Amino acid sequence: MANKYLKRRFTLRETILLGVLLVVLLLGLYFGLVFYPIQSRTADVDAQLEVVAQQKDDAMDDKREYDRMKAELARIEESGDTTVMPKHSGAHYLELLDKINQILEGIDHPVPNNISEPREGIVTRTISLTFTVTEANKGSSPTVYDKVHSVLTELITTGYRCSMQRLTLQPGDAGVQGSTSVTVSVVIEFFELAE
């Protein structure tokens, strides 16, 4: 009986329908077995490429930061800078405050300070000082100006890494060097390592 159907001749309409069915079947197989798996794999590879590109950008940022720090360390080594960045702590602040009090001994000086949030492992302690040097409190310095110069030099050479941000001198009527009274306003940033 199967032989009978195999020997049967198909009409033109049946041949076209079988041909269309075969094309649809081949297209279905192509999309199911080739196109969609390749498209899915391509999307996965694109996602992986984005991750790798982000990792590359992060690595380049890290390298730039490393190069900047290396250059800074080389500059510090060349300059002979022996200052240190102590760990951020209350004990360090008390030690720094003690040094400032020794430098400004005999001169009235409030010591307000402000602590920054840690950034890249470094905390900035900003100390604002306002004090007046007069003939009465200049000590053994020859002039008031010499005492101001000496105090400022000692403040920025405490042995701790720091940067003077602002300095204002208000002399009396004879100018800074000849004045009998000089009011100093100075802002110094001390750098500490975040714990």
Protein backbone atom coordinates (compact mmCIF):
# COMPACT_ATOMS: atom_id res chain seq x y z
CA MET A 1 0.00 0.00 0.00
CA ALA A 2 2.87 2.42 0.79
CA ASN A 3 4.22 1.59 -2.67
CA LYS A 4 1.00 2.84 -4.15
CA TYR A 5 1.41 6.31 -2.56
CA LEU A 6 5.07 6.55 -3.52
CA LYS A 7 4.33 5.83 -7.18
CA ARG A 8 1.53 8.37 -7.26
CA ARG A 9 2.25 11.52 -9.26
CA PHE A 10 1.71 14.80 -7.45
CA THR A 11 -0.27 17.57 -9.02
CA LEU A 12 1.32 20.96 -9.62
CA ARG A 13 -0.54 22.38 -6.64
CA GLU A 14 0.67 19.60 -4.32
CA THR A 15 4.25 19.97 -5.57
CA ILE A 16 4.18 23.71 -4.87
CA LEU A 17 2.70 23.12 -1.41
CA LEU A 18 5.34 20.47 -0.65
CA GLY A 19 8.03 22.84 -1.91
CA VAL A 20 6.70 25.67 0.32
CA LEU A 21 6.49 23.27 3.26
CA LEU A 22 10.09 22.17 2.64
CA VAL A 23 11.29 25.81 2.46
CA VAL A 24 9.42 26.68 5.69
CA LEU A 25 10.89 23.62 7.39
CA LEU A 26 14.43 24.50 6.22
CA LEU A 27 13.99 28.12 7.34
CA GLY A 28 12.74 26.94 10.73
CA LEU A 29 15.71 24.63 11.12
CA TYR A 30 18.11 27.39 10.04
CA PHE A 31 16.71 29.94 12.50
CA GLY A 32 16.37 27.40 15.31
CA LEU A 33 19.74 25.71 14.91
CA VAL A 34 21.95 28.45 13.43
CA PHE A 35 20.66 32.04 13.52
CA TYR A 36 19.25 32.32 17.08
CA PRO A 37 22.16 30.49 18.78
CA ILE A 38 24.66 32.71 16.93
CA GLN A 39 22.67 35.84 17.83
CA SER A 40 22.54 34.79 21.50
CA ARG A 41 26.26 34.03 21.56
CA THR A 42 27.02 37.37 19.88
CA ALA A 43 25.00 39.20 22.57
CA ASP A 44 26.95 37.32 25.29
CA VAL A 45 30.27 38.23 23.65
CA ASP A 46 29.19 41.90 23.37
CA ALA A 47 28.31 41.94 27.09
CA GLN A 48 31.70 40.39 27.93
CA LEU A 49 33.43 42.99 25.74
CA GLU A 50 31.70 45.77 27.66
CA VAL A 51 32.89 44.28 30.97
CA VAL A 52 36.45 43.95 29.63
CA ALA A 53 36.35 47.54 28.31
CA GLN A 54 35.24 48.79 31.75
CA GLN A 55 37.98 46.76 33.43
CA LYS A 56 40.50 48.23 30.99
CA ASP A 57 39.30 51.78 31.80
CA ASP A 58 39.55 51.04 35.53
CA ALA A 59 43.05 49.61 35.07
CA MET A 60 44.12 52.69 33.08
CA ASP A 61 42.76 54.96 35.85
CA ASP A 62 44.69 52.91 38.43
CA LYS A 63 47.85 53.15 36.31
CA ARG A 64 47.50 56.94 35.97
CA GLU A 65 47.04 57.22 39.75
CA TYR A 66 50.04 54.93 40.32
CA ASP A 67 52.19 57.00 37.92
CA ARG A 68 51.10 60.22 39.67
CA MET A 69 51.99 58.81 43.09
CA LYS A 70 55.29 57.44 41.80
CA ALA A 71 56.19 60.86 40.35
CA GLU A 72 55.21 62.52 43.65
CA LEU A 73 57.37 60.07 45.62
CA ALA A 74 60.29 60.72 43.25
CA ARG A 75 59.84 64.49 43.70
CA ILE A 76 59.73 64.10 47.47
CA GLU A 77 62.86 61.93 47.44
CA GLU A 78 64.73 64.40 45.21
CA SER A 79 63.79 67.36 47.40
CA GLY A 80 65.01 65.59 50.53
CA ASP A 81 61.57 66.01 52.13
CA THR A 82 61.54 64.00 55.34
CA THR A 83 58.02 64.86 56.42
CA VAL A 84 55.64 62.08 57.37
CA MET A 85 51.91 61.45 57.10
CA PRO A 86 50.86 59.98 60.43
CA LYS A 87 47.73 57.89 60.90
CA HIS A 88 44.57 59.90 61.51
CA SER A 89 43.90 59.73 65.24
CA GLY A 90 43.10 61.83 68.27
CA ALA A 91 46.59 61.10 69.63
CA HIS A 92 48.18 62.62 66.54
CA TYR A 93 46.01 65.74 66.85
CA LEU A 94 47.08 66.18 70.48
CA GLU A 95 50.73 65.79 69.43
CA LEU A 96 50.28 68.34 66.63
CA LEU A 97 48.46 70.72 68.98
CA ASP A 98 51.31 70.38 71.50
CA LYS A 99 53.86 71.33 68.79
CA ILE A 100 51.78 74.35 67.73
CA ASN A 101 51.47 75.45 71.36
CA GLN A 102 55.26 75.16 71.81
CA ILE A 103 55.88 77.20 68.64
CA LEU A 104 53.41 79.90 69.71
CA GLU A 105 54.34 79.87 73.39
CA GLY A 106 53.54 83.22 74.98
CA ILE A 107 51.31 84.28 72.07
CA ASP A 108 47.52 84.01 72.40
CA HIS A 109 46.28 81.67 69.63
CA PRO A 110 43.04 79.72 69.39
CA VAL A 111 43.46 76.56 67.28
CA PRO A 112 40.24 75.73 65.42
CA ASN A 113 40.53 72.74 63.12
CA ASN A 114 38.39 71.01 60.55
CA ILE A 115 38.63 67.39 59.39
CA SER A 116 37.81 66.37 55.82
CA GLU A 117 36.22 63.10 54.80
CA PRO A 118 38.84 60.49 53.77
CA ARG A 119 39.66 60.73 50.06
CA GLU A 120 41.86 58.11 48.44
CA GLY A 121 43.08 57.07 51.88
CA ILE A 122 44.08 60.59 53.01
CA VAL A 123 42.40 62.83 55.59
CA THR A 124 43.04 66.56 55.51
CA ARG A 125 43.14 68.39 58.86
CA THR A 126 42.73 72.13 58.22
CA ILE A 127 44.03 74.33 61.02
CA SER A 128 43.21 78.05 61.02
CA LEU A 129 45.38 80.22 63.23
CA THR A 130 45.07 83.93 63.99
CA PHE A 131 47.59 85.49 66.35
CA THR A 132 49.31 88.81 66.93
CA VAL A 133 53.04 89.21 67.50
CA THR A 134 54.02 92.35 69.41
CA GLU A 135 57.15 93.78 70.97
CA ALA A 136 55.96 92.31 74.28
CA ASN A 137 55.64 88.69 73.04
CA LYS A 138 58.34 88.50 70.35
CA GLY A 139 60.71 86.91 72.83
CA SER A 140 64.41 86.90 71.92
CA SER A 141 63.79 87.63 68.21
CA PRO A 142 65.40 90.89 67.05
CA THR A 143 62.18 92.25 65.53
CA VAL A 144 58.48 91.43 65.40
CA TYR A 145 58.90 90.55 61.71
CA ASP A 146 61.70 88.09 62.55
CA LYS A 147 59.45 86.44 65.13
CA VAL A 148 56.59 86.15 62.58
CA HIS A 149 58.98 84.66 60.01
CA SER A 150 60.36 82.21 62.58
CA VAL A 151 56.89 81.12 63.77
CA LEU A 152 55.60 80.56 60.22
CA THR A 153 58.72 78.60 59.27
CA GLU A 154 58.35 76.38 62.33
CA LEU A 155 54.63 75.82 61.67
CA ILE A 156 55.21 74.46 58.17
CA THR A 157 58.28 72.43 59.16
CA THR A 158 56.76 70.48 62.04
CA GLY A 159 57.83 67.22 60.39
CA TYR A 160 54.29 66.44 59.25
CA ARG A 161 53.24 66.68 55.60
CA CYS A 162 51.38 69.96 55.21
CA SER A 163 50.52 72.75 52.82
CA MET A 164 50.00 76.44 53.63
CA GLN A 165 46.74 77.45 51.95
CA ARG A 166 46.32 81.07 52.97
CA LEU A 167 48.46 83.68 54.71
CA THR A 168 47.50 87.22 55.62
CA LEU A 169 49.71 89.69 57.48
CA GLN A 170 48.25 92.89 58.90
CA PRO A 171 51.06 95.18 59.93
CA GLY A 172 50.86 98.34 61.96
CA ASP A 173 51.59 101.76 60.52
CA ALA A 174 55.31 101.15 59.83
CA GLY A 175 54.89 98.23 57.36
CA VAL A 176 55.53 94.58 58.05
CA GLN A 177 59.27 94.73 58.69
CA GLY A 178 59.29 97.86 60.84
CA SER A 179 56.01 97.33 62.69
CA THR A 180 55.73 96.84 66.44
CA SER A 181 52.65 94.65 65.95
CA VAL A 182 51.76 92.15 63.20
CA THR A 183 48.52 90.14 63.10
CA VAL A 184 48.90 86.84 61.27
CA SER A 185 46.06 84.76 59.80
CA VAL A 186 47.20 81.45 58.36
CA VAL A 187 45.42 78.31 57.15
CA ILE A 188 47.52 75.13 57.01
CA GLU A 189 46.36 71.73 55.78
CA PHE A 190 47.99 68.75 57.47
CA PHE A 191 47.69 65.41 55.68
CA GLU A 192 47.03 62.19 57.58
CA LEU A 193 46.52 58.59 56.53
CA ALA A 194 42.98 57.35 57.00
CA GLU A 195 42.72 54.28 59.23
